[in-house]
């Protein structure tokens, strides 16, 4: 997995940056994540199958973009 220089710089900034989206983790608390494939690229450089999975595995990560991290 590779991040561009711009994405790497963004990962240093918190989720308040306009380029990042704060995941809505409170929506997923207490439930199971669906098995759908709707990938998001986390600010930690990892691709998660859904926003819910990102919230479960790394609540400190923001969403760089919808889709894979490449």
Protein backbone atom coordinates (compact mmCIF):
# COMPACT_ATOMS: atom_id res chain seq x y z
CA UNK A 1 0.00 0.00 0.00
CA UNK A 2 1.41 3.36 -1.02
CA UNK A 3 0.35 6.83 0.00
CA UNK A 4 1.07 9.94 -2.01
CA UNK A 5 3.06 12.69 -0.31
CA UNK A 6 -0.13 14.74 0.03
CA UNK A 7 -1.98 11.87 1.70
CA UNK A 8 0.93 11.27 4.03
CA UNK A 9 0.91 14.91 5.11
CA UNK A 10 -2.85 14.74 5.64
CA UNK A 11 -2.43 11.77 7.97
CA UNK A 12 -0.47 14.01 10.32
CA UNK A 13 -3.37 16.47 10.53
CA UNK A 14 -6.41 15.64 12.64
CA UNK A 15 -9.87 14.93 11.22
CA UNK A 16 -10.83 18.60 11.31
CA UNK A 17 -9.00 19.11 8.02
CA UNK A 18 -11.43 19.72 5.14
CA UNK A 19 -9.66 16.98 3.16
CA UNK A 20 -10.58 14.36 5.76
CA UNK A 21 -13.91 12.95 6.89
CA UNK A 22 -14.57 12.04 10.49
CA UNK A 23 -16.15 8.56 10.51
CA UNK A 24 -19.59 8.36 12.12
CA UNK A 25 -18.56 5.63 14.57
CA UNK A 26 -21.43 6.27 16.98
CA UNK A 27 -23.81 4.86 14.34
CA UNK A 28 -22.06 1.49 14.51
CA UNK A 29 -21.66 1.10 18.29
CA UNK A 30 -23.18 -2.04 19.75
CA UNK A 31 -23.93 -3.69 16.43
CA UNK A 32 -22.28 -5.87 13.87
CA UNK A 33 -20.73 -4.52 10.68
CA UNK A 34 -22.40 -5.65 7.46
CA UNK A 35 -20.51 -7.82 5.00
CA UNK A 36 -20.97 -5.38 2.12
CA UNK A 37 -17.93 -4.06 0.26
CA UNK A 38 -17.92 -0.25 0.37
CA UNK A 39 -14.21 0.46 0.93
CA UNK A 40 -12.79 3.55 2.60
CA UNK A 41 -9.17 4.66 2.82
CA UNK A 42 -8.16 5.42 6.40
CA UNK A 43 -5.67 8.10 7.38
CA UNK A 44 -3.52 5.29 8.78
CA UNK A 45 -2.91 4.14 5.20
CA UNK A 46 -5.12 1.05 5.42
CA UNK A 47 -8.14 0.19 3.30
CA UNK A 48 -11.19 -0.90 5.29
CA UNK A 49 -14.08 -2.82 3.73
CA UNK A 50 -16.61 -0.37 5.23
CA UNK A 51 -16.68 2.69 7.47
CA UNK A 52 -18.02 0.42 10.21
CA UNK A 53 -14.93 -1.80 10.02
CA UNK A 54 -12.68 1.27 10.19
CA UNK A 55 -14.50 2.31 13.37
CA UNK A 56 -14.14 -1.15 14.91
CA UNK A 57 -10.45 -1.54 14.06
CA UNK A 58 -9.09 2.00 14.42
CA UNK A 59 -11.36 4.69 15.86
CA UNK A 60 -8.49 7.19 15.67
CA UNK A 61 -8.35 7.00 11.89
CA UNK A 62 -10.08 9.51 9.62
CA UNK A 63 -11.36 8.78 6.12
CA UNK A 64 -9.10 10.12 3.38
CA UNK A 65 -11.49 9.05 0.62
CA UNK A 66 -14.12 6.54 -0.43
CA UNK A 67 -12.47 3.62 -2.18
CA UNK A 68 -9.20 1.82 -1.64
CA UNK A 69 -5.95 3.46 -0.59
CA UNK A 70 -4.27 1.98 -3.73
